[in-house]
Amino acid sequence: FTRQYSAAKAIDGWIGEESCWKSAAAGKGELTITLPAMRELSSITWSRSREGLDSDGVPSDVSVSVSEDGAQFVQVARAEALDGPKLQTLQFAPCRAKVVRLTITATADGKEPVIDEIQVR
């Protein structure tokens, strides 16, 4: 059995170790979501482990960027010193976008970032 950590696992509606995205780089990673159409967005919510059972790879410093075309991105939010594997939400000024990127620049333990679910609203 080989576990896969593809980006699609973060938006599949499932949570837990069998259904999560994991970066290939220690302490950093980028997760990009392309929506089916342009939408008005104002927040992003993610978790490492919704139940709080897994604590490796918890993102601690992140930024959120949006794009209308997937080529030009604008940073809309940043958070540092985040703590804990449970749900985290970042609010930002409402904007229209089709592509959303969560950039992780640090994890609490220095290991590869892990996201078991992510939603943009």
PDB file of N, CA and C in Angstrom:
ATOM      1  N   PHE A   1       0.838  -1.179   0.000  1.00  0.00           N
ATOM      2  CA  PHE A   1       0.000   0.000   0.000  1.00  0.00           C
ATOM      3  C   PHE A   1       0.881   1.240   0.000  1.00  0.00           C
ATOM      4  N   THR A   2       0.652   2.100  -0.957  1.00  0.00           N
ATOM      5  CA  THR A   2       1.371   3.364  -1.026  1.00  0.00           C
ATOM      6  C   THR A   2       0.386   4.488  -0.816  1.00  0.00           C
ATOM      7  N   ARG A   3       0.604   5.296   0.179  1.00  0.00           N
ATOM      8  CA  ARG A   3      -0.289   6.420   0.470  1.00  0.00           C
ATOM      9  C   ARG A   3       0.006   7.558  -0.501  1.00  0.00           C
ATOM     10  N   GLN A   4      -1.041   8.155  -1.050  1.00  0.00           N
ATOM     11  CA  GLN A   4      -0.891   9.292  -1.951  1.00  0.00           C
ATOM     12  C   GLN A   4      -1.349  10.554  -1.243  1.00  0.00           C
ATOM     13  N   TYR A   5      -0.642  11.627  -1.483  1.00  0.00           N
ATOM     14  CA  TYR A   5      -0.950  12.893  -0.821  1.00  0.00           C
ATOM     15  C   TYR A   5      -1.239  13.988  -1.844  1.00  0.00           C
ATOM     16  N   SER A   6      -2.058  13.717  -2.832  1.00  0.00           N
ATOM     17  CA  SER A   6      -2.326  14.677  -3.896  1.00  0.00           C
ATOM     18  C   SER A   6      -3.182  15.832  -3.394  1.00  0.00           C
ATOM     19  N   ALA A   7      -3.123  16.947  -4.122  1.00  0.00           N
ATOM     20  CA  ALA A   7      -3.902  18.130  -3.758  1.00  0.00           C
ATOM     21  C   ALA A   7      -5.397  17.845  -3.764  1.00  0.00           C
ATOM     22  N   ALA A   8      -5.849  16.968  -4.648  1.00  0.00           N
ATOM     23  CA  ALA A   8      -7.276  16.638  -4.727  1.00  0.00           C
ATOM     24  C   ALA A   8      -7.793  16.052  -3.416  1.00  0.00           C
ATOM     25  N   LYS A   9      -6.934  15.441  -2.637  1.00  0.00           N
ATOM     26  CA  LYS A   9      -7.342  14.854  -1.359  1.00  0.00           C
ATOM     27  C   LYS A   9      -7.782  15.914  -0.345  1.00  0.00           C
ATOM     28  N   ALA A  10      -7.332  17.152  -0.518  1.00  0.00           N
ATOM     29  CA  ALA A  10      -7.697  18.224   0.419  1.00  0.00           C
ATOM     30  C   ALA A  10      -9.093  18.778   0.159  1.00  0.00           C
ATOM     31  N   ILE A  11      -9.674  18.468  -0.996  1.00  0.00           N
ATOM     32  CA  ILE A  11     -10.999  19.000  -1.319  1.00  0.00           C
ATOM     33  C   ILE A  11     -12.009  17.884  -1.627  1.00  0.00           C
ATOM     34  N   ASP A  12     -11.722  16.675  -1.191  1.00  0.00           N
ATOM     35  CA  ASP A  12     -12.592  15.548  -1.526  1.00  0.00           C
ATOM     36  C   ASP A  12     -13.740  15.320  -0.535  1.00  0.00           C
ATOM     37  N   GLY A  13     -13.823  16.150   0.511  1.00  0.00           N
ATOM     38  CA  GLY A  13     -14.905  16.003   1.482  1.00  0.00           C
ATOM     39  C   GLY A  13     -14.615  15.001   2.584  1.00  0.00           C
ATOM     40  N   TRP A  14     -13.496  14.324   2.506  1.00  0.00           N
ATOM     41  CA  TRP A  14     -13.093  13.358   3.532  1.00  0.00           C
ATOM     42  C   TRP A  14     -12.022  13.988   4.406  1.00  0.00           C
ATOM     43  N   ILE A  15     -11.878  13.485   5.625  1.00  0.00           N
ATOM     44  CA  ILE A  15     -10.822  13.969   6.509  1.00  0.00           C
ATOM     45  C   ILE A  15     -10.034  12.779   7.024  1.00  0.00           C
ATOM     46  N   GLY A  16      -8.835  13.036   7.515  1.00  0.00           N
ATOM     47  CA  GLY A  16      -8.015  11.986   8.101  1.00  0.00           C
ATOM     48  C   GLY A  16      -6.779  11.677   7.285  1.00  0.00           C
ATOM     49  N   GLU A  17      -5.937  10.828   7.807  1.00  0.00           N
ATOM     50  CA  GLU A  17      -4.658  10.479   7.202  1.00  0.00           C
ATOM     51  C   GLU A  17      -4.778   9.867   5.811  1.00  0.00           C
ATOM     52  N   GLU A  18      -5.856   9.157   5.535  1.00  0.00           N
ATOM     53  CA  GLU A  18      -6.010   8.522   4.237  1.00  0.00           C
ATOM     54  C   GLU A  18      -6.470   9.499   3.166  1.00  0.00           C
ATOM     55  N   SER A  19      -6.840  10.701   3.568  1.00  0.00           N
ATOM     56  CA  SER A  19      -7.356  11.675   2.611  1.00  0.00           C
ATOM     57  C   SER A  19      -6.831  13.064   2.931  1.00  0.00           C
ATOM     58  N   CYS A  20      -5.541  13.269   2.676  1.00  0.00           N
ATOM     59  CA  CYS A  20      -4.946  14.566   2.953  1.00  0.00           C
ATOM     60  C   CYS A  20      -3.892  14.904   1.902  1.00  0.00           C
ATOM     61  N   TRP A  21      -3.612  16.210   1.788  1.00  0.00           N
ATOM     62  CA  TRP A  21      -2.518  16.684   0.947  1.00  0.00           C
ATOM     63  C   TRP A  21      -1.298  16.840   1.833  1.00  0.00           C
ATOM     64  N   LYS A  22      -0.142  16.484   1.275  1.00  0.00           N
ATOM     65  CA  LYS A  22       1.106  16.655   2.011  1.00  0.00           C
ATOM     66  C   LYS A  22       2.141  17.216   1.047  1.00  0.00           C
ATOM     67  N   SER A  23       2.815  18.270   1.467  1.00  0.00           N
ATOM     68  CA  SER A  23       3.856  18.874   0.649  1.00  0.00           C
ATOM     69  C   SER A  23       5.047  17.928   0.530  1.00  0.00           C
ATOM     70  N   ALA A  24       5.789  18.083  -0.535  1.00  0.00           N
ATOM     71  CA  ALA A  24       7.004  17.284  -0.721  1.00  0.00           C
ATOM     72  C   ALA A  24       8.212  17.935  -0.055  1.00  0.00           C
ATOM     73  N   ALA A  25       8.063  19.170   0.441  1.00  0.00           N
ATOM     74  CA  ALA A  25       9.182  19.905   1.032  1.00  0.00           C
ATOM     75  C   ALA A  25       8.968  20.112   2.529  1.00  0.00           C
ATOM     76  N   ALA A  26      10.012  19.934   3.298  1.00  0.00           N
ATOM     77  CA  ALA A  26       9.931  20.145   4.750  1.00  0.00           C
ATOM     78  C   ALA A  26       9.680  21.613   5.062  1.00  0.00           C
ATOM     79  N   GLY A  27       8.670  21.872   5.901  1.00  0.00           N
ATOM     80  CA  GLY A  27       8.401  23.209   6.400  1.00  0.00           C
ATOM     81  C   GLY A  27       7.769  24.190   5.445  1.00  0.00           C
ATOM     82  N   LYS A  28       7.493  23.790   4.198  1.00  0.00           N
ATOM     83  CA  LYS A  28       6.883  24.728   3.268  1.00  0.00           C
ATOM     84  C   LYS A  28       6.099  23.989   2.188  1.00  0.00           C
ATOM     85  N   GLY A  29       5.195  24.721   1.548  1.00  0.00           N
ATOM     86  CA  GLY A  29       4.417  24.131   0.471  1.00  0.00           C
ATOM     87  C   GLY A  29       3.392  25.098  -0.068  1.00  0.00           C
ATOM     88  N   GLU A  30       2.842  24.758  -1.217  1.00  0.00           N
ATOM     89  CA  GLU A  30       1.825  25.570  -1.862  1.00  0.00           C
ATOM     90  C   GLU A  30       0.682  24.675  -2.307  1.00  0.00           C
ATOM     91  N   LEU A  31      -0.518  25.068  -1.952  1.00  0.00           N
ATOM     92  CA  LEU A  31      -1.721  24.337  -2.340  1.00  0.00           C
ATOM     93  C   LEU A  31      -2.598  25.310  -3.114  1.00  0.00           C
ATOM     94  N   THR A  32      -2.858  24.996  -4.391  1.00  0.00           N
ATOM     95  CA  THR A  32      -3.618  25.878  -5.267  1.00  0.00           C
ATOM     96  C   THR A  32      -4.939  25.235  -5.628  1.00  0.00           C
ATOM     97  N   ILE A  33      -6.009  26.020  -5.499  1.00  0.00           N
ATOM     98  CA  ILE A  33      -7.358  25.544  -5.812  1.00  0.00           C
ATOM     99  C   ILE A  33      -7.895  26.369  -6.981  1.00  0.00           C
ATOM    100  N   THR A  34      -8.304  25.683  -8.040  1.00  0.00           N
ATOM    101  CA  THR A  34      -8.940  26.342  -9.170  1.00  0.00           C
ATOM    102  C   THR A  34     -10.430  26.054  -9.102  1.00  0.00           C
ATOM    103  N   LEU A  35     -11.220  27.104  -8.966  1.00  0.00           N
ATOM    104  CA  LEU A  35     -12.670  26.976  -8.882  1.00  0.00           C
ATOM    105  C   LEU A  35     -13.258  26.821 -10.291  1.00  0.00           C
ATOM    106  N   PRO A  36     -14.454  26.257 -10.408  1.00  0.00           N
ATOM    107  CA  PRO A  36     -15.057  26.082 -11.730  1.00  0.00           C
ATOM    108  C   PRO A  36     -15.372  27.398 -12.440  1.00  0.00           C
ATOM    109  N   ALA A  37     -15.578  28.473 -11.670  1.00  0.00           N
ATOM    110  CA  ALA A  37     -15.903  29.782 -12.244  1.00  0.00           C
ATOM    111  C   ALA A  37     -15.483  30.869 -11.260  1.00  0.00           C
ATOM    112  N   MET A  38     -15.448  32.107 -11.740  1.00  0.00           N
ATOM    113  CA  MET A  38     -15.152  33.243 -10.860  1.00  0.00           C
ATOM    114  C   MET A  38     -16.199  33.301  -9.761  1.00  0.00           C
ATOM    115  N   ARG A  39     -15.743  33.612  -8.540  1.00  0.00           N
ATOM    116  CA  ARG A  39     -16.651  33.738  -7.396  1.00  0.00           C
ATOM    117  C   ARG A  39     -16.202  34.876  -6.512  1.00  0.00           C
ATOM    118  N   GLU A  40     -17.131  35.380  -5.735  1.00  0.00           N
ATOM    119  CA  GLU A  40     -16.820  36.358  -4.697  1.00  0.00           C
ATOM    120  C   GLU A  40     -16.328  35.572  -3.489  1.00  0.00           C
ATOM    121  N   LEU A  41     -15.137  35.872  -3.006  1.00  0.00           N
ATOM    122  CA  LEU A  41     -14.533  35.139  -1.894  1.00  0.00           C
ATOM    123  C   LEU A  41     -14.156  36.096  -0.776  1.00  0.00           C
ATOM    124  N   SER A  42     -14.201  35.593   0.465  1.00  0.00           N
ATOM    125  CA  SER A  42     -13.785  36.433   1.598  1.00  0.00           C
ATOM    126  C   SER A  42     -13.150  35.641   2.735  1.00  0.00           C
ATOM    127  N   SER A  43     -12.996  34.324   2.563  1.00  0.00           N
ATOM    128  CA  SER A  43     -12.334  33.550   3.622  1.00  0.00           C
ATOM    129  C   SER A  43     -11.820  32.228   3.078  1.00  0.00           C
ATOM    130  N   ILE A  44     -10.890  31.669   3.823  1.00  0.00           N
ATOM    131  CA  ILE A  44     -10.366  30.335   3.538  1.00  0.00           C
ATOM    132  C   ILE A  44     -10.277  29.603   4.876  1.00  0.00           C
ATOM    133  N   THR A  45     -10.702  28.356   4.883  1.00  0.00           N
ATOM    134  CA  THR A  45     -10.682  27.534   6.094  1.00  0.00           C
ATOM    135  C   THR A  45      -9.957  26.241   5.772  1.00  0.00           C
ATOM    136  N   TRP A  46      -9.080  25.812   6.677  1.00  0.00           N
ATOM    137  CA  TRP A  46      -8.374  24.550   6.479  1.00  0.00           C
ATOM    138  C   TRP A  46      -8.115  23.909   7.827  1.00  0.00           C
ATOM    139  N   SER A  47      -7.746  22.637   7.769  1.00  0.00           N
ATOM    140  CA  SER A  47      -7.312  21.955   8.995  1.00  0.00           C
ATOM    141  C   SER A  47      -6.227  20.954   8.656  1.00  0.00           C
ATOM    142  N   ARG A  48      -5.391  20.709   9.608  1.00  0.00           N
ATOM    143  CA  ARG A  48      -4.423  19.620   9.516  1.00  0.00           C
ATOM    144  C   ARG A  48      -5.120  18.333   9.936  1.00  0.00           C
ATOM    145  N   SER A  49      -5.886  18.443  11.006  1.00  0.00           N
ATOM    146  CA  SER A  49      -6.609  17.293  11.542  1.00  0.00           C
ATOM    147  C   SER A  49      -7.836  17.824  12.254  1.00  0.00           C
ATOM    148  N   ARG A  50      -8.966  17.778  11.588  1.00  0.00           N
ATOM    149  CA  ARG A  50     -10.187  18.364  12.146  1.00  0.00           C
ATOM    150  C   ARG A  50     -10.464  17.841  13.550  1.00  0.00           C
ATOM    151  N   GLU A  51     -10.187  16.559  13.784  1.00  0.00           N
ATOM    152  CA  GLU A  51     -10.425  15.995  15.115  1.00  0.00           C
ATOM    153  C   GLU A  51      -9.312  16.331  16.090  1.00  0.00           C
ATOM    154  N   GLY A  52      -8.205  16.909  15.597  1.00  0.00           N
ATOM    155  CA  GLY A  52      -7.094  17.269  16.457  1.00  0.00           C
ATOM    156  C   GLY A  52      -6.229  16.101  16.875  1.00  0.00           C
ATOM    157  N   LEU A  53      -6.380  14.962  16.195  1.00  0.00           N
ATOM    158  CA  LEU A  53      -5.641  13.765  16.578  1.00  0.00           C
ATOM    159  C   LEU A  53      -4.228  13.725  16.019  1.00  0.00           C
ATOM    160  N   ASP A  54      -4.017  14.333  14.854  1.00  0.00           N
ATOM    161  CA  ASP A  54      -2.697  14.328  14.224  1.00  0.00           C
ATOM    162  C   ASP A  54      -2.099  15.724  14.314  1.00  0.00           C
ATOM    163  N   SER A  55      -0.833  15.809  14.717  1.00  0.00           N
ATOM    164  CA  SER A  55      -0.249  17.131  14.917  1.00  0.00           C
ATOM    165  C   SER A  55       1.056  17.341  14.155  1.00  0.00           C
ATOM    166  N   ASP A  56       1.462  16.415  13.302  1.00  0.00           N
ATOM    167  CA  ASP A  56       2.669  16.631  12.514  1.00  0.00           C
ATOM    168  C   ASP A  56       2.321  17.469  11.280  1.00  0.00           C
ATOM    169  N   GLY A  57       3.217  18.343  10.891  1.00  0.00           N
ATOM    170  CA  GLY A  57       3.020  19.143   9.682  1.00  0.00           C
ATOM    171  C   GLY A  57       1.961  20.226   9.784  1.00  0.00           C
ATOM    172  N   VAL A  58       1.662  20.697  10.983  1.00  0.00           N
ATOM    173  CA  VAL A  58       0.648  21.741  11.159  1.00  0.00           C
ATOM    174  C   VAL A  58       1.195  23.073  10.637  1.00  0.00           C
ATOM    175  N   PRO A  59       0.524  23.677   9.641  1.00  0.00           N
ATOM    176  CA  PRO A  59       0.986  24.976   9.137  1.00  0.00           C
ATOM    177  C   PRO A  59       0.963  26.031  10.244  1.00  0.00           C
ATOM    178  N   SER A  60       2.067  26.790  10.368  1.00  0.00           N
ATOM    179  CA  SER A  60       2.113  27.828  11.392  1.00  0.00           C
ATOM    180  C   SER A  60       2.224  29.223  10.792  1.00  0.00           C
ATOM    181  N   ASP A  61       2.802  29.373   9.623  1.00  0.00           N
ATOM    182  CA  ASP A  61       2.870  30.660   8.917  1.00  0.00           C
ATOM    183  C   ASP A  61       2.343  30.440   7.509  1.00  0.00           C
ATOM    184  N   VAL A  62       1.329  31.227   7.131  1.00  0.00           N
ATOM    185  CA  VAL A  62       0.696  31.054   5.821  1.00  0.00           C
ATOM    186  C   VAL A  62       0.372  32.408   5.184  1.00  0.00           C
ATOM    187  N   SER A  63       0.211  32.376   3.876  1.00  0.00           N
ATOM    188  CA  SER A  63      -0.356  33.521   3.165  1.00  0.00           C
ATOM    189  C   SER A  63      -1.355  32.991   2.155  1.00  0.00           C
ATOM    190  N   VAL A  64      -2.316  33.843   1.800  1.00  0.00           N
ATOM    191  CA  VAL A  64      -3.350  33.485   0.837  1.00  0.00           C
ATOM    192  C   VAL A  64      -3.294  34.492  -0.302  1.00  0.00           C
ATOM    193  N   SER A  65      -3.238  33.976  -1.525  1.00  0.00           N
ATOM    194  CA  SER A  65      -3.242  34.817  -2.720  1.00  0.00           C
ATOM    195  C   SER A  65      -4.373  34.367  -3.621  1.00  0.00           C
ATOM    196  N   VAL A  66      -4.910  35.302  -4.390  1.00  0.00           N
ATOM    197  CA  VAL A  66      -6.002  34.993  -5.315  1.00  0.00           C
ATOM    198  C   VAL A  66      -5.636  35.488  -6.709  1.00  0.00           C
ATOM    199  N   SER A  67      -6.328  34.891  -7.701  1.00  0.00           N
ATOM    200  CA  SER A  67      -6.088  35.273  -9.089  1.00  0.00           C
ATOM    201  C   SER A  67      -7.363  35.096  -9.900  1.00  0.00           C
ATOM    202  N   GLU A  68      -7.550  35.951 -10.869  1.00  0.00           N
ATOM    203  CA  GLU A  68      -8.668  35.793 -11.785  1.00  0.00           C
ATOM    204  C   GLU A  68      -8.315  34.836 -12.913  1.00  0.00           C
ATOM    205  N   ASP A  69      -7.022  34.772 -13.290  1.00  0.00           N
ATOM    206  CA  ASP A  69      -6.612  34.003 -14.461  1.00  0.00           C
ATOM    207  C   ASP A  69      -5.595  32.892 -14.185  1.00  0.00           C
ATOM    208  N   GLY A  70      -5.128  32.769 -12.965  1.00  0.00           N
ATOM    209  CA  GLY A  70      -4.138  31.746 -12.625  1.00  0.00           C
ATOM    210  C   GLY A  70      -2.714  32.154 -12.954  1.00  0.00           C
ATOM    211  N   ALA A  71      -2.528  33.360 -13.480  1.00  0.00           N
ATOM    212  CA  ALA A  71      -1.192  33.833 -13.831  1.00  0.00           C
ATOM    213  C   ALA A  71      -0.719  34.947 -12.893  1.00  0.00           C
ATOM    214  N   GLN A  72      -1.573  35.911 -12.636  1.00  0.00           N
ATOM    215  CA  GLN A  72      -1.241  37.042 -11.776  1.00  0.00           C
ATOM    216  C   GLN A  72      -1.947  36.872 -10.434  1.00  0.00           C
ATOM    217  N   PHE A  73      -1.172  36.752  -9.354  1.00  0.00           N
ATOM    218  CA  PHE A  73      -1.732  36.549  -8.018  1.00  0.00           C
ATOM    219  C   PHE A  73      -1.546  37.796  -7.162  1.00  0.00           C
ATOM    220  N   VAL A  74      -2.522  38.036  -6.282  1.00  0.00           N
ATOM    221  CA  VAL A  74      -2.474  39.140  -5.330  1.00  0.00           C
ATOM    222  C   VAL A  74      -2.666  38.556  -3.932  1.00  0.00           C
ATOM    223  N   GLN A  75      -1.751  38.879  -3.017  1.00  0.00           N
ATOM    224  CA  GLN A  75      -1.886  38.396  -1.645  1.00  0.00           C
ATOM    225  C   GLN A  75      -3.019  39.140  -0.953  1.00  0.00           C
ATOM    226  N   VAL A  76      -3.935  38.368  -0.320  1.00  0.00           N
ATOM    227  CA  VAL A  76      -5.087  38.976   0.354  1.00  0.00           C
ATOM    228  C   VAL A  76      -5.082  38.736   1.865  1.00  0.00           C
ATOM    229  N   ALA A  77      -4.242  37.825   2.337  1.00  0.00           N
ATOM    230  CA  ALA A  77      -4.202  37.550   3.784  1.00  0.00           C
ATOM    231  C   ALA A  77      -2.869  36.905   4.147  1.00  0.00           C
ATOM    232  N   ARG A  78      -2.503  37.093   5.415  1.00  0.00           N
ATOM    233  CA  ARG A  78      -1.283  36.473   5.955  1.00  0.00           C
ATOM    234  C   ARG A  78      -1.510  36.222   7.433  1.00  0.00           C
ATOM    235  N   ALA A  79      -1.000  35.103   7.917  1.00  0.00           N
ATOM    236  CA  ALA A  79      -1.097  34.803   9.349  1.00  0.00           C
ATOM    237  C   ALA A  79       0.197  34.137   9.792  1.00  0.00           C
ATOM    238  N   GLU A  80       0.678  34.535  10.950  1.00  0.00           N
ATOM    239  CA  GLU A  80       1.898  33.968  11.517  1.00  0.00           C
ATOM    240  C   GLU A  80       1.602  33.414  12.893  1.00  0.00           C
ATOM    241  N   ALA A  81       2.407  32.468  13.299  1.00  0.00           N
ATOM    242  CA  ALA A  81       2.314  31.863  14.627  1.00  0.00           C
ATOM    243  C   ALA A  81       0.967  31.183  14.869  1.00  0.00           C
ATOM    244  N   LEU A  82       0.415  30.564  13.821  1.00  0.00           N
ATOM    245  CA  LEU A  82      -0.809  29.788  14.000  1.00  0.00           C
ATOM    246  C   LEU A  82      -0.500  28.591  14.875  1.00  0.00           C
ATOM    247  N   ASP A  83      -1.493  28.132  15.593  1.00  0.00           N
ATOM    248  CA  ASP A  83      -1.256  27.036  16.522  1.00  0.00           C
ATOM    249  C   ASP A  83      -2.388  26.024  16.433  1.00  0.00           C
ATOM    250  N   GLY A  84      -2.053  24.774  16.391  1.00  0.00           N
ATOM    251  CA  GLY A  84      -3.037  23.706  16.485  1.00  0.00           C
ATOM    252  C   GLY A  84      -3.482  23.133  15.161  1.00  0.00           C
ATOM    253  N   PRO A  85      -3.827  21.847  15.175  1.00  0.00           N
ATOM    254  CA  PRO A  85      -4.204  21.153  13.949  1.00  0.00           C
ATOM    255  C   PRO A  85      -5.657  21.327  13.533  1.00  0.00           C
ATOM    256  N   LYS A  86      -6.495  21.852  14.408  1.00  0.00           N
ATOM    257  CA  LYS A  86      -7.930  21.951  14.098  1.00  0.00           C
ATOM    258  C   LYS A  86      -8.214  23.066  13.096  1.00  0.00           C
ATOM    259  N   LEU A  87      -9.481  23.300  12.811  1.00  0.00           N
ATOM    260  CA  LEU A  87      -9.883  24.277  11.804  1.00  0.00           C
ATOM    261  C   LEU A  87      -9.277  25.657  12.046  1.00  0.00           C
ATOM    262  N   GLN A  88      -8.733  26.231  10.996  1.00  0.00           N
ATOM    263  CA  GLN A  88      -8.201  27.593  11.003  1.00  0.00           C
ATOM    264  C   GLN A  88      -8.935  28.355   9.908  1.00  0.00           C
ATOM    265  N   THR A  89      -9.330  29.589  10.175  1.00  0.00           N
ATOM    266  CA  THR A  89      -9.994  30.408   9.171  1.00  0.00           C
ATOM    267  C   THR A  89      -9.297  31.750   9.063  1.00  0.00           C
ATOM    268  N   LEU A  90      -9.038  32.166   7.840  1.00  0.00           N
ATOM    269  CA  LEU A  90      -8.507  33.503   7.573  1.00  0.00           C
ATOM    270  C   LEU A  90      -9.561  34.266   6.777  1.00  0.00           C
ATOM    271  N   GLN A  91      -9.944  35.422   7.293  1.00  0.00           N
ATOM    272  CA  GLN A  91     -10.883  36.299   6.595  1.00  0.00           C
ATOM    273  C   GLN A  91     -10.059  37.330   5.818  1.00  0.00           C
ATOM    274  N   PHE A  92     -10.602  37.788   4.696  1.00  0.00           N
ATOM    275  CA  PHE A  92      -9.966  38.849   3.935  1.00  0.00           C
ATOM    276  C   PHE A  92     -11.041  39.683   3.253  1.00  0.00           C
ATOM    277  N   ALA A  93     -10.651  40.843   2.747  1.00  0.00           N
ATOM    278  CA  ALA A  93     -11.608  41.722   2.074  1.00  0.00           C
ATOM    279  C   ALA A  93     -12.218  40.973   0.889  1.00  0.00           C
ATOM    280  N   PRO A  94     -13.529  41.060   0.705  1.00  0.00           N
ATOM    281  CA  PRO A  94     -14.168  40.357  -0.410  1.00  0.00           C
ATOM    282  C   PRO A  94     -13.527  40.712  -1.758  1.00  0.00           C
ATOM    283  N   CYS A  95     -13.344  39.681  -2.575  1.00  0.00           N
ATOM    284  CA  CYS A  95     -12.748  39.872  -3.893  1.00  0.00           C
ATOM    285  C   CYS A  95     -13.260  38.789  -4.832  1.00  0.00           C
ATOM    286  N   ARG A  96     -13.159  39.054  -6.130  1.00  0.00           N
ATOM    287  CA  ARG A  96     -13.556  38.061  -7.125  1.00  0.00           C
ATOM    288  C   ARG A  96     -12.312  37.319  -7.580  1.00  0.00           C
ATOM    289  N   ALA A  97     -12.419  35.988  -7.643  1.00  0.00           N
ATOM    290  CA  ALA A  97     -11.276  35.182  -8.068  1.00  0.00           C
ATOM    291  C   ALA A  97     -11.756  33.828  -8.580  1.00  0.00           C
ATOM    292  N   LYS A  98     -10.898  33.204  -9.347  1.00  0.00           N
ATOM    293  CA  LYS A  98     -11.135  31.837  -9.811  1.00  0.00           C
ATOM    294  C   LYS A  98     -10.094  30.880  -9.226  1.00  0.00           C
ATOM    295  N   VAL A  99      -8.935  31.412  -8.848  1.00  0.00           N
ATOM    296  CA  VAL A  99      -7.843  30.591  -8.327  1.00  0.00           C
ATOM    297  C   VAL A  99      -7.411  31.130  -6.964  1.00  0.00           C
ATOM    298  N   VAL A 100      -7.246  30.225  -6.003  1.00  0.00           N
ATOM    299  CA  VAL A 100      -6.830  30.584  -4.648  1.00  0.00           C
ATOM    300  C   VAL A 100      -5.599  29.755  -4.297  1.00  0.00           C
ATOM    301  N   ARG A 101      -4.600  30.415  -3.735  1.00  0.00           N
ATOM    302  CA  ARG A 101      -3.361  29.716  -3.376  1.00  0.00           C
ATOM    303  C   ARG A 101      -3.053  29.927  -1.898  1.00  0.00           C
ATOM    304  N   LEU A 102      -2.877  28.824  -1.181  1.00  0.00           N
ATOM    305  CA  LEU A 102      -2.418  28.850   0.207  1.00  0.00           C
ATOM    306  C   LEU A 102      -0.929  28.523   0.178  1.00  0.00           C
ATOM    307  N   THR A 103      -0.119  29.486   0.608  1.00  0.00           N
ATOM    308  CA  THR A 103       1.333  29.285   0.649  1.00  0.00           C
ATOM    309  C   THR A 103       1.739  29.125   2.102  1.00  0.00           C
ATOM    310  N   ILE A 104       2.363  28.006   2.400  1.00  0.00           N
ATOM    311  CA  ILE A 104       2.806  27.696   3.764  1.00  0.00           C
ATOM    312  C   ILE A 104       4.305  27.917   3.819  1.00  0.00           C
ATOM    313  N   THR A 105       4.744  28.786   4.726  1.00  0.00           N
ATOM    314  CA  THR A 105       6.170  29.096   4.830  1.00  0.00           C
ATOM    315  C   THR A 105       6.822  28.508   6.077  1.00  0.00           C
ATOM    316  N   ALA A 106       6.007  27.905   6.950  1.00  0.00           N
ATOM    317  CA  ALA A 106       6.553  27.243   8.141  1.00  0.00           C
ATOM    318  C   ALA A 106       5.514  26.304   8.731  1.00  0.00           C
ATOM    319  N   THR A 107       6.000  25.271   9.386  1.00  0.00           N
ATOM    320  CA  THR A 107       5.130  24.379  10.150  1.00  0.00           C
ATOM    321  C   THR A 107       5.602  24.373  11.595  1.00  0.00           C
ATOM    322  N   ALA A 108       4.723  23.981  12.493  1.00  0.00           N
ATOM    323  CA  ALA A 108       5.038  24.001  13.924  1.00  0.00           C
ATOM    324  C   ALA A 108       6.226  23.104  14.266  1.00  0.00           C
ATOM    325  N   ASP A 109       6.383  22.017  13.516  1.00  0.00           N
ATOM    326  CA  ASP A 109       7.458  21.064  13.832  1.00  0.00           C
ATOM    327  C   ASP A 109       8.545  20.982  12.763  1.00  0.00           C
ATOM    328  N   GLY A 110       8.463  21.818  11.723  1.00  0.00           N
ATOM    329  CA  GLY A 110       9.462  21.804  10.661  1.00  0.00           C
ATOM    330  C   GLY A 110       9.267  20.692   9.644  1.00  0.00           C
ATOM    331  N   LYS A 111       8.258  19.860   9.826  1.00  0.00           N
ATOM    332  CA  LYS A 111       7.991  18.769   8.884  1.00  0.00           C
ATOM    333  C   LYS A 111       7.164  19.261   7.701  1.00  0.00           C
ATOM    334  N   GLU A 112       6.941  18.374   6.733  1.00  0.00           N
ATOM    335  CA  GLU A 112       6.150  18.703   5.557  1.00  0.00           C
ATOM    336  C   GLU A 112       4.735  19.113   5.971  1.00  0.00           C
ATOM    337  N   PRO A 113       4.231  20.247   5.430  1.00  0.00           N
ATOM    338  CA  PRO A 113       2.868  20.669   5.753  1.00  0.00           C
ATOM    339  C   PRO A 113       1.846  19.632   5.289  1.00  0.00           C
ATOM    340  N   VAL A 114       0.789  19.479   6.086  1.00  0.00           N
ATOM    341  CA  VAL A 114      -0.296  18.559   5.763  1.00  0.00           C
ATOM    342  C   VAL A 114      -1.619  19.306   5.922  1.00  0.00           C
ATOM    343  N   ILE A 115      -2.515  19.138   4.945  1.00  0.00           N
ATOM    344  CA  ILE A 115      -3.862  19.714   4.994  1.00  0.00           C
ATOM    345  C   ILE A 115      -4.841  18.583   4.718  1.00  0.00           C
ATOM    346  N   ASP A 116      -5.766  18.328   5.646  1.00  0.00           N
ATOM    347  CA  ASP A 116      -6.728  17.255   5.377  1.00  0.00           C
ATOM    348  C   ASP A 116      -8.026  17.777   4.786  1.00  0.00           C
ATOM    349  N   GLU A 117      -8.262  19.087   4.899  1.00  0.00           N
ATOM    350  CA  GLU A 117      -9.406  19.685   4.200  1.00  0.00           C
ATOM    351  C   GLU A 117      -9.185  21.183   4.080  1.00  0.00           C
ATOM    352  N   ILE A 118      -9.728  21.727   2.999  1.00  0.00           N
ATOM    353  CA  ILE A 118      -9.605  23.162   2.752  1.00  0.00           C
ATOM    354  C   ILE A 118     -10.870  23.613   2.015  1.00  0.00           C
ATOM    355  N   GLN A 119     -11.356  24.799   2.363  1.00  0.00           N
ATOM    356  CA  GLN A 119     -12.535  25.373   1.734  1.00  0.00           C
ATOM    357  C   GLN A 119     -12.330  26.866   1.560  1.00  0.00           C
ATOM    358  N   VAL A 120     -12.814  27.370   0.439  1.00  0.00           N
ATOM    359  CA  VAL A 120     -12.808  28.818   0.229  1.00  0.00           C
ATOM    360  C   VAL A 120     -14.247  29.286   0.136  1.00  0.00           C
ATOM    361  N   ARG A 121     -14.515  30.447   0.687  1.00  0.00           N
ATOM    362  CA  ARG A 121     -15.876  31.004   0.679  1.00  0.00           C
ATOM    363  C   ARG A 121     -15.818  32.483   0.403  1.00  0.00           C
TER     364      ARG A 121
END
